[in-house]
PDB file of N, CA and C in Angstrom:
ATOM      1  N   UNK A   1      13.101  -2.923  -4.908  1.00  0.00           N
ATOM      2  CA  UNK A   1      11.667  -2.953  -4.648  1.00  0.00           C
ATOM      3  C   UNK A   1      11.206  -1.542  -4.310  1.00  0.00           C
ATOM      4  N   UNK A   2       9.943  -1.316  -4.462  1.00  0.00           N
ATOM      5  CA  UNK A   2       9.348  -0.005  -4.175  1.00  0.00           C
ATOM      6  C   UNK A   2       9.321   0.243  -2.676  1.00  0.00           C
ATOM      7  N   UNK A   3       9.634   1.445  -2.282  1.00  0.00           N
ATOM      8  CA  UNK A   3       9.539   1.870  -0.895  1.00  0.00           C
ATOM      9  C   UNK A   3       8.262   2.692  -0.787  1.00  0.00           C
ATOM     10  N   UNK A   4       7.259   2.160  -0.115  1.00  0.00           N
ATOM     11  CA  UNK A   4       5.944   2.773  -0.050  1.00  0.00           C
ATOM     12  C   UNK A   4       5.522   2.925   1.401  1.00  0.00           C
ATOM     13  N   UNK A   5       5.031   4.103   1.755  1.00  0.00           N
ATOM     14  CA  UNK A   5       4.445   4.315   3.077  1.00  0.00           C
ATOM     15  C   UNK A   5       3.048   4.876   2.880  1.00  0.00           C
ATOM     16  N   UNK A   6       2.071   4.218   3.493  1.00  0.00           N
ATOM     17  CA  UNK A   6       0.668   4.624   3.397  1.00  0.00           C
ATOM     18  C   UNK A   6       0.233   5.080   4.792  1.00  0.00           C
ATOM     19  N   UNK A   7      -0.302   6.293   4.881  1.00  0.00           N
ATOM     20  CA  UNK A   7      -0.801   6.813   6.152  1.00  0.00           C
ATOM     21  C   UNK A   7      -2.305   7.005   6.020  1.00  0.00           C
ATOM     22  N   UNK A   8      -3.031   6.424   6.955  1.00  0.00           N
ATOM     23  CA  UNK A   8      -4.495   6.468   6.931  1.00  0.00           C
ATOM     24  C   UNK A   8      -5.010   7.113   8.208  1.00  0.00           C
ATOM     25  N   UNK A   9      -6.004   7.983   8.037  1.00  0.00           N
ATOM     26  CA  UNK A   9      -6.758   8.538   9.156  1.00  0.00           C
ATOM     27  C   UNK A   9      -8.176   8.000   9.030  1.00  0.00           C
ATOM     28  N   UNK A  10      -8.683   7.431  10.120  1.00  0.00           N
ATOM     29  CA  UNK A  10     -10.024   6.845  10.093  1.00  0.00           C
ATOM     30  C   UNK A  10     -11.068   7.860  10.535  1.00  0.00           C
ATOM     31  N   UNK A  11     -12.328   7.513  10.333  1.00  0.00           N
ATOM     32  CA  UNK A  11     -13.424   8.378  10.752  1.00  0.00           C
ATOM     33  C   UNK A  11     -13.467   8.538  12.268  1.00  0.00           C
ATOM     34  N   UNK A  12     -12.804   7.632  13.013  1.00  0.00           N
ATOM     35  CA  UNK A  12     -12.704   7.728  14.472  1.00  0.00           C
ATOM     36  C   UNK A  12     -11.555   8.628  14.912  1.00  0.00           C
ATOM     37  N   UNK A  13     -10.767   9.148  13.952  1.00  0.00           N
ATOM     38  CA  UNK A  13      -9.651  10.029  14.274  1.00  0.00           C
ATOM     39  C   UNK A  13      -8.332   9.310  14.486  1.00  0.00           C
ATOM     40  N   UNK A  14      -8.301   7.990  14.345  1.00  0.00           N
ATOM     41  CA  UNK A  14      -7.056   7.235  14.487  1.00  0.00           C
ATOM     42  C   UNK A  14      -6.213   7.427  13.223  1.00  0.00           C
ATOM     43  N   UNK A  15      -4.914   7.624  13.423  1.00  0.00           N
ATOM     44  CA  UNK A  15      -3.990   7.724  12.297  1.00  0.00           C
ATOM     45  C   UNK A  15      -2.916   6.661  12.461  1.00  0.00           C
ATOM     46  N   UNK A  16      -2.623   5.961  11.388  1.00  0.00           N
ATOM     47  CA  UNK A  16      -1.565   4.952  11.422  1.00  0.00           C
ATOM     48  C   UNK A  16      -0.903   4.886  10.054  1.00  0.00           C
ATOM     49  N   UNK A  17       0.311   4.351  10.044  1.00  0.00           N
ATOM     50  CA  UNK A  17       1.062   4.175   8.805  1.00  0.00           C
ATOM     51  C   UNK A  17       1.357   2.700   8.597  1.00  0.00           C
ATOM     52  N   UNK A  18       1.457   2.327   7.345  1.00  0.00           N
ATOM     53  CA  UNK A  18       1.808   0.951   6.978  1.00  0.00           C
ATOM     54  C   UNK A  18       2.831   1.016   5.855  1.00  0.00           C
ATOM     55  N   UNK A  19       3.830   0.146   5.940  1.00  0.00           N
ATOM     56  CA  UNK A  19       4.849   0.028   4.896  1.00  0.00           C
ATOM     57  C   UNK A  19       4.783  -1.381   4.325  1.00  0.00           C
ATOM     58  N   UNK A  20       4.037  -1.547   3.234  1.00  0.00           N
ATOM     59  CA  UNK A  20       3.936  -2.880   2.638  1.00  0.00           C
ATOM     60  C   UNK A  20       5.314  -3.408   2.218  1.00  0.00           C
ATOM     61  N   UNK A  21       5.536  -4.684   2.476  1.00  0.00           N
ATOM     62  CA  UNK A  21       6.796  -5.308   2.065  1.00  0.00           C
ATOM     63  C   UNK A  21       6.549  -6.151   0.812  1.00  0.00           C
ATOM     64  N   UNK A  22       7.558  -6.860   0.365  1.00  0.00           N
ATOM     65  CA  UNK A  22       7.444  -7.664  -0.853  1.00  0.00           C
ATOM     66  C   UNK A  22       6.314  -8.685  -0.737  1.00  0.00           C
ATOM     67  N   UNK A  23       6.211  -9.330   0.408  1.00  0.00           N
ATOM     68  CA  UNK A  23       5.145 -10.319   0.601  1.00  0.00           C
ATOM     69  C   UNK A  23       3.760  -9.708   0.498  1.00  0.00           C
ATOM     70  N   UNK A  24       3.596  -8.497   1.021  1.00  0.00           N
ATOM     71  CA  UNK A  24       2.302  -7.817   0.947  1.00  0.00           C
ATOM     72  C   UNK A  24       1.964  -7.470  -0.505  1.00  0.00           C
ATOM     73  N   UNK A  25       2.962  -7.029  -1.263  1.00  0.00           N
ATOM     74  CA  UNK A  25       2.741  -6.695  -2.677  1.00  0.00           C
ATOM     75  C   UNK A  25       2.411  -7.961  -3.469  1.00  0.00           C
ATOM     76  N   UNK A  26       3.061  -9.069  -3.129  1.00  0.00           N
ATOM     77  CA  UNK A  26       2.741 -10.336  -3.795  1.00  0.00           C
ATOM     78  C   UNK A  26       1.315 -10.790  -3.449  1.00  0.00           C
ATOM     79  N   UNK A  27       0.883 -10.534  -2.219  1.00  0.00           N
ATOM     80  CA  UNK A  27      -0.495 -10.860  -1.827  1.00  0.00           C
ATOM     81  C   UNK A  27      -1.488 -10.009  -2.620  1.00  0.00           C
ATOM     82  N   UNK A  28      -1.157  -8.740  -2.874  1.00  0.00           N
ATOM     83  CA  UNK A  28      -1.987  -7.869  -3.707  1.00  0.00           C
ATOM     84  C   UNK A  28      -2.143  -8.466  -5.100  1.00  0.00           C
ATOM     85  N   UNK A  29      -1.025  -8.919  -5.670  1.00  0.00           N
ATOM     86  CA  UNK A  29      -1.055  -9.532  -7.001  1.00  0.00           C
ATOM     87  C   UNK A  29      -1.982 -10.753  -7.017  1.00  0.00           C
ATOM     88  N   UNK A  30      -1.855 -11.599  -6.008  1.00  0.00           N
ATOM     89  CA  UNK A  30      -2.667 -12.820  -5.947  1.00  0.00           C
ATOM     90  C   UNK A  30      -4.144 -12.494  -5.725  1.00  0.00           C
ATOM     91  N   UNK A  31      -4.422 -11.570  -4.809  1.00  0.00           N
ATOM     92  CA  UNK A  31      -5.806 -11.241  -4.466  1.00  0.00           C
ATOM     93  C   UNK A  31      -6.555 -10.628  -5.650  1.00  0.00           C
ATOM     94  N   UNK A  32      -5.901  -9.694  -6.338  1.00  0.00           N
ATOM     95  CA  UNK A  32      -6.550  -9.003  -7.453  1.00  0.00           C
ATOM     96  C   UNK A  32      -6.189  -9.604  -8.825  1.00  0.00           C
ATOM     97  N   UNK A  33      -5.439 -10.716  -8.815  1.00  0.00           N
ATOM     98  CA  UNK A  33      -5.019 -11.384 -10.049  1.00  0.00           C
ATOM     99  C   UNK A  33      -4.305 -10.416 -10.999  1.00  0.00           C
ATOM    100  N   UNK A  34      -3.320  -9.717 -10.447  1.00  0.00           N
ATOM    101  CA  UNK A  34      -2.541  -8.733 -11.204  1.00  0.00           C
ATOM    102  C   UNK A  34      -1.268  -9.375 -11.736  1.00  0.00           C
ATOM    103  N   UNK A  35      -0.819  -8.923 -12.874  1.00  0.00           N
ATOM    104  CA  UNK A  35       0.467  -9.371 -13.391  1.00  0.00           C
ATOM    105  C   UNK A  35       1.608  -8.733 -12.627  1.00  0.00           C
ATOM    106  N   UNK A  36       1.420  -7.484 -12.189  1.00  0.00           N
ATOM    107  CA  UNK A  36       2.485  -6.772 -11.493  1.00  0.00           C
ATOM    108  C   UNK A  36       1.919  -5.850 -10.423  1.00  0.00           C
ATOM    109  N   UNK A  37       2.252  -6.148  -9.172  1.00  0.00           N
ATOM    110  CA  UNK A  37       1.870  -5.261  -8.079  1.00  0.00           C
ATOM    111  C   UNK A  37       2.573  -3.924  -8.177  1.00  0.00           C
ATOM    112  N   UNK A  38       3.791  -3.933  -8.690  1.00  0.00           N
ATOM    113  CA  UNK A  38       4.560  -2.696  -8.847  1.00  0.00           C
ATOM    114  C   UNK A  38       3.838  -1.760  -9.818  1.00  0.00           C
ATOM    115  N   UNK A  39       3.377  -2.294 -10.950  1.00  0.00           N
ATOM    116  CA  UNK A  39       2.646  -1.488 -11.926  1.00  0.00           C
ATOM    117  C   UNK A  39       1.369  -0.941 -11.300  1.00  0.00           C
ATOM    118  N   UNK A  40       0.674  -1.765 -10.526  1.00  0.00           N
ATOM    119  CA  UNK A  40      -0.551  -1.322  -9.867  1.00  0.00           C
ATOM    120  C   UNK A  40      -0.266  -0.158  -8.913  1.00  0.00           C
ATOM    121  N   UNK A  41       0.823  -0.238  -8.186  1.00  0.00           N
ATOM    122  CA  UNK A  41       1.193   0.843  -7.262  1.00  0.00           C
ATOM    123  C   UNK A  41       1.531   2.102  -8.047  1.00  0.00           C
ATOM    124  N   UNK A  42       2.254   1.957  -9.137  1.00  0.00           N
ATOM    125  CA  UNK A  42       2.635   3.106  -9.947  1.00  0.00           C
ATOM    126  C   UNK A  42       1.410   3.794 -10.552  1.00  0.00           C
ATOM    127  N   UNK A  43       0.316   3.061 -10.754  1.00  0.00           N
ATOM    128  CA  UNK A  43      -0.917   3.648 -11.276  1.00  0.00           C
ATOM    129  C   UNK A  43      -1.678   4.428 -10.199  1.00  0.00           C
ATOM    130  N   UNK A  44      -1.229   4.305  -8.953  1.00  0.00           N
ATOM    131  CA  UNK A  44      -1.774   5.028  -7.804  1.00  0.00           C
ATOM    132  C   UNK A  44      -3.280   4.811  -7.623  1.00  0.00           C
ATOM    133  N   UNK A  45      -3.707   3.565  -7.679  1.00  0.00           N
ATOM    134  CA  UNK A  45      -5.089   3.186  -7.435  1.00  0.00           C
ATOM    135  C   UNK A  45      -5.340   3.221  -5.930  1.00  0.00           C
ATOM    136  N   UNK A  46      -6.222   4.102  -5.470  1.00  0.00           N
ATOM    137  CA  UNK A  46      -6.459   4.253  -4.037  1.00  0.00           C
ATOM    138  C   UNK A  46      -6.994   2.976  -3.396  1.00  0.00           C
ATOM    139  N   UNK A  47      -7.799   2.221  -4.122  1.00  0.00           N
ATOM    140  CA  UNK A  47      -8.307   0.964  -3.587  1.00  0.00           C
ATOM    141  C   UNK A  47      -7.186  -0.020  -3.294  1.00  0.00           C
ATOM    142  N   UNK A  48      -6.180  -0.071  -4.174  1.00  0.00           N
ATOM    143  CA  UNK A  48      -5.033  -0.950  -3.935  1.00  0.00           C
ATOM    144  C   UNK A  48      -4.234  -0.484  -2.719  1.00  0.00           C
ATOM    145  N   UNK A  49      -4.054   0.837  -2.576  1.00  0.00           N
ATOM    146  CA  UNK A  49      -3.324   1.355  -1.416  1.00  0.00           C
ATOM    147  C   UNK A  49      -4.057   1.017  -0.122  1.00  0.00           C
ATOM    148  N   UNK A  50      -5.384   1.177  -0.124  1.00  0.00           N
ATOM    149  CA  UNK A  50      -6.169   0.837   1.063  1.00  0.00           C
ATOM    150  C   UNK A  50      -6.026  -0.645   1.385  1.00  0.00           C
ATOM    151  N   UNK A  51      -6.088  -1.506   0.359  1.00  0.00           N
ATOM    152  CA  UNK A  51      -5.960  -2.944   0.586  1.00  0.00           C
ATOM    153  C   UNK A  51      -4.579  -3.289   1.128  1.00  0.00           C
ATOM    154  N   UNK A  52      -3.533  -2.672   0.575  1.00  0.00           N
ATOM    155  CA  UNK A  52      -2.165  -2.927   1.054  1.00  0.00           C
ATOM    156  C   UNK A  52      -2.019  -2.542   2.526  1.00  0.00           C
ATOM    157  N   UNK A  53      -2.573  -1.383   2.903  1.00  0.00           N
ATOM    158  CA  UNK A  53      -2.499  -0.952   4.309  1.00  0.00           C
ATOM    159  C   UNK A  53      -3.261  -1.926   5.202  1.00  0.00           C
ATOM    160  N   UNK A  54      -4.450  -2.330   4.777  1.00  0.00           N
ATOM    161  CA  UNK A  54      -5.261  -3.275   5.538  1.00  0.00           C
ATOM    162  C   UNK A  54      -4.536  -4.608   5.699  1.00  0.00           C
ATOM    163  N   UNK A  55      -3.996  -5.127   4.609  1.00  0.00           N
ATOM    164  CA  UNK A  55      -3.295  -6.419   4.638  1.00  0.00           C
ATOM    165  C   UNK A  55      -2.045  -6.356   5.519  1.00  0.00           C
ATOM    166  N   UNK A  56      -1.296  -5.268   5.416  1.00  0.00           N
ATOM    167  CA  UNK A  56      -0.079  -5.125   6.223  1.00  0.00           C
ATOM    168  C   UNK A  56      -0.431  -5.044   7.700  1.00  0.00           C
ATOM    169  N   UNK A  57      -1.449  -4.251   8.052  1.00  0.00           N
ATOM    170  CA  UNK A  57      -1.876  -4.158   9.460  1.00  0.00           C
ATOM    171  C   UNK A  57      -2.303  -5.539   9.975  1.00  0.00           C
ATOM    172  N   UNK A  58      -3.058  -6.246   9.165  1.00  0.00           N
ATOM    173  CA  UNK A  58      -3.536  -7.571   9.554  1.00  0.00           C
ATOM    174  C   UNK A  58      -2.373  -8.514   9.818  1.00  0.00           C
ATOM    175  N   UNK A  59      -1.386  -8.508   8.930  1.00  0.00           N
ATOM    176  CA  UNK A  59      -0.236  -9.398   9.089  1.00  0.00           C
ATOM    177  C   UNK A  59       0.719  -8.940  10.180  1.00  0.00           C
ATOM    178  N   UNK A  60       0.637  -7.681  10.573  1.00  0.00           N
ATOM    179  CA  UNK A  60       1.453  -7.199  11.693  1.00  0.00           C
ATOM    180  C   UNK A  60       0.801  -7.499  13.039  1.00  0.00           C
ATOM    181  N   UNK A  61      -0.369  -8.164  13.013  1.00  0.00           N
ATOM    182  CA  UNK A  61      -1.015  -8.600  14.248  1.00  0.00           C
ATOM    183  C   UNK A  61      -2.063  -7.661  14.796  1.00  0.00           C
ATOM    184  N   UNK A  62      -2.399  -6.603  14.067  1.00  0.00           N
ATOM    185  CA  UNK A  62      -3.447  -5.680  14.511  1.00  0.00           C
ATOM    186  C   UNK A  62      -4.813  -6.292  14.205  1.00  0.00           C
ATOM    187  N   UNK A  63      -5.781  -6.005  15.039  1.00  0.00           N
ATOM    188  CA  UNK A  63      -7.139  -6.437  14.776  1.00  0.00           C
ATOM    189  C   UNK A  63      -7.750  -5.459  13.774  1.00  0.00           C
ATOM    190  N   UNK A  64      -8.193  -5.981  12.646  1.00  0.00           N
ATOM    191  CA  UNK A  64      -8.794  -5.133  11.622  1.00  0.00           C
ATOM    192  C   UNK A  64     -10.149  -5.715  11.233  1.00  0.00           C
ATOM    193  N   UNK A  65     -11.092  -4.850  10.877  1.00  0.00           N
ATOM    194  CA  UNK A  65     -12.395  -5.352  10.428  1.00  0.00           C
ATOM    195  C   UNK A  65     -12.271  -5.934   9.017  1.00  0.00           C
ATOM    196  N   UNK A  66     -13.317  -6.585   8.529  1.00  0.00           N
ATOM    197  CA  UNK A  66     -13.297  -7.015   7.133  1.00  0.00           C
ATOM    198  C   UNK A  66     -12.989  -5.809   6.227  1.00  0.00           C
ATOM    199  N   UNK A  67     -12.401  -6.080   5.064  1.00  0.00           N
ATOM    200  CA  UNK A  67     -11.906  -4.993   4.223  1.00  0.00           C
ATOM    201  C   UNK A  67     -12.976  -3.963   3.869  1.00  0.00           C
ATOM    202  N   UNK A  68     -14.191  -4.387   3.529  1.00  0.00           N
ATOM    203  CA  UNK A  68     -15.230  -3.419   3.159  1.00  0.00           C
ATOM    204  C   UNK A  68     -15.514  -2.434   4.293  1.00  0.00           C
ATOM    205  N   UNK A  69     -15.538  -2.914   5.521  1.00  0.00           N
ATOM    206  CA  UNK A  69     -15.757  -2.021   6.666  1.00  0.00           C
ATOM    207  C   UNK A  69     -14.536  -1.134   6.886  1.00  0.00           C
ATOM    208  N   UNK A  70     -13.342  -1.704   6.772  1.00  0.00           N
ATOM    209  CA  UNK A  70     -12.097  -0.933   6.903  1.00  0.00           C
ATOM    210  C   UNK A  70     -12.100   0.218   5.899  1.00  0.00           C
ATOM    211  N   UNK A  71     -12.425  -0.095   4.652  1.00  0.00           N
ATOM    212  CA  UNK A  71     -12.436   0.914   3.587  1.00  0.00           C
ATOM    213  C   UNK A  71     -13.448   2.018   3.893  1.00  0.00           C
ATOM    214  N   UNK A  72     -14.603   1.648   4.433  1.00  0.00           N
ATOM    215  CA  UNK A  72     -15.640   2.634   4.756  1.00  0.00           C
ATOM    216  C   UNK A  72     -15.218   3.563   5.892  1.00  0.00           C
ATOM    217  N   UNK A  73     -14.262   3.137   6.713  1.00  0.00           N
ATOM    218  CA  UNK A  73     -13.809   3.942   7.847  1.00  0.00           C
ATOM    219  C   UNK A  73     -12.663   4.884   7.486  1.00  0.00           C
ATOM    220  N   UNK A  74     -12.208   4.876   6.238  1.00  0.00           N
ATOM    221  CA  UNK A  74     -11.092   5.740   5.841  1.00  0.00           C
ATOM    222  C   UNK A  74     -11.605   7.155   5.618  1.00  0.00           C
ATOM    223  N   UNK A  75     -11.079   8.074   6.405  1.00  0.00           N
ATOM    224  CA  UNK A  75     -11.397   9.499   6.269  1.00  0.00           C
ATOM    225  C   UNK A  75     -10.420  10.171   5.306  1.00  0.00           C
ATOM    226  N   UNK A  76      -9.142   9.804   5.436  1.00  0.00           N
ATOM    227  CA  UNK A  76      -8.098  10.404   4.604  1.00  0.00           C
ATOM    228  C   UNK A  76      -6.979   9.383   4.419  1.00  0.00           C
ATOM    229  N   UNK A  77      -6.302   9.485   3.288  1.00  0.00           N
ATOM    230  CA  UNK A  77      -5.183   8.593   3.014  1.00  0.00           C
ATOM    231  C   UNK A  77      -4.092   9.391   2.315  1.00  0.00           C
ATOM    232  N   UNK A  78      -2.885   9.198   2.773  1.00  0.00           N
ATOM    233  CA  UNK A  78      -1.725   9.845   2.165  1.00  0.00           C
ATOM    234  C   UNK A  78      -0.718   8.742   1.881  1.00  0.00           C
ATOM    235  N   UNK A  79       0.074   8.935   0.864  1.00  0.00           N
ATOM    236  CA  UNK A  79       1.073   7.920   0.560  1.00  0.00           C
ATOM    237  C   UNK A  79       2.294   8.571  -0.051  1.00  0.00           C
ATOM    238  N   UNK A  80       3.421   7.935   0.193  1.00  0.00           N
ATOM    239  CA  UNK A  80       4.693   8.349  -0.391  1.00  0.00           C
ATOM    240  C   UNK A  80       5.287   7.132  -1.078  1.00  0.00           C
ATOM    241  N   UNK A  81       5.647   7.316  -2.327  1.00  0.00           N
ATOM    242  CA  UNK A  81       6.271   6.259  -3.105  1.00  0.00           C
ATOM    243  C   UNK A  81       7.652   6.735  -3.495  1.00  0.00           C
ATOM    244  N   UNK A  82       8.674   5.967  -3.109  1.00  0.00           N
ATOM    245  CA  UNK A  82      10.052   6.294  -3.483  1.00  0.00           C
ATOM    246  C   UNK A  82      10.284   5.731  -4.879  1.00  0.00           C
ATOM    247  N   UNK A  83      10.481   6.633  -5.813  1.00  0.00           N
ATOM    248  CA  UNK A  83      10.678   6.200  -7.195  1.00  0.00           C
ATOM    249  C   UNK A  83      12.148   6.199  -7.595  1.00  0.00           C
ATOM    250  N   UNK A  84      13.033   6.254  -6.594  1.00  0.00           N
ATOM    251  CA  UNK A  84      14.473   6.230  -6.889  1.00  0.00           C
ATOM    252  C   UNK A  84      14.811   4.931  -7.613  1.00  0.00           C
ATOM    253  N   UNK A  85      15.766   4.968  -8.531  1.00  0.00           N
ATOM    254  CA  UNK A  85      16.131   3.736  -9.243  1.00  0.00           C
ATOM    255  C   UNK A  85      16.707   2.686  -8.305  1.00  0.00           C
ATOM    256  N   UNK A  86      16.537   1.444  -8.690  1.00  0.00           N
ATOM    257  CA  UNK A  86      17.095   0.334  -7.921  1.00  0.00           C
ATOM    258  C   UNK A  86      18.623   0.351  -8.077  1.00  0.00           C
ATOM    259  N   UNK A  87      19.309  -0.281  -7.162  1.00  0.00           N
ATOM    260  CA  UNK A  87      20.758  -0.367  -7.236  1.00  0.00           C
ATOM    261  C   UNK A  87      21.165  -0.938  -8.593  1.00  0.00           C
ATOM    262  N   UNK A  88      22.133  -0.321  -9.209  1.00  0.00           N
ATOM    263  CA  UNK A  88      22.620  -0.801 -10.489  1.00  0.00           C
ATOM    264  C   UNK A  88      21.928  -0.187 -11.685  1.00  0.00           C
ATOM    265  N   UNK A  89      20.813   0.499 -11.465  1.00  0.00           N
ATOM    266  CA  UNK A  89      20.131   1.168 -12.565  1.00  0.00           C
ATOM    267  C   UNK A  89      20.709   2.562 -12.745  1.00  0.00           C
ATOM    268  N   UNK A  90      20.776   2.988 -13.970  1.00  0.00           N
ATOM    269  CA  UNK A  90      21.289   4.326 -14.237  1.00  0.00           C
ATOM    270  C   UNK A  90      20.161   5.326 -14.173  1.00  0.00           C
ATOM    271  N   UNK A  91      20.436   6.492 -13.627  1.00  0.00           N
ATOM    272  CA  UNK A  91      19.462   7.567 -13.585  1.00  0.00           C
ATOM    273  C   UNK A  91      19.551   8.336 -14.894  1.00  0.00           C
ATOM    274  N   UNK A  92      18.399   8.519 -15.582  1.00  0.00           N
ATOM    275  CA  UNK A  92      18.436   9.264 -16.836  1.00  0.00           C
ATOM    276  C   UNK A  92      18.882  10.703 -16.606  1.00  0.00           C
ATOM    277  N   UNK A  93      19.651  11.233 -17.523  1.00  0.00           N
ATOM    278  CA  UNK A  93      20.086  12.618 -17.415  1.00  0.00           C
ATOM    279  C   UNK A  93      19.515  13.380 -18.584  1.00  0.00           C
ATOM    280  N   UNK A  94      19.246  14.672 -18.342  1.00  0.00           N
ATOM    281  CA  UNK A  94      18.579  15.494 -19.320  1.00  0.00           C
ATOM    282  C   UNK A  94      19.500  15.957 -20.343  1.00  0.00           C
TER     283      UNK A  94
END
């Protein structure tokens, strides 16, 4: 599975990180009616990253505003995606 960390800074100056898990990615697929959450992440759609961070925070028990308000409060967003091959996959060589 993809190893993703999303760091958000809000307009209030709060900074937090979220690491979506498989369940969060599956929720993204269901919410946006996507065939593949992994493909959506690889396309680096900022709206999807914001939604994943919001959903993960919500499921971790944090109080979050409705998504539209949450999105409006984002000042900056950074993300790291680990694109290392899954176990058993061969790494292409040049």
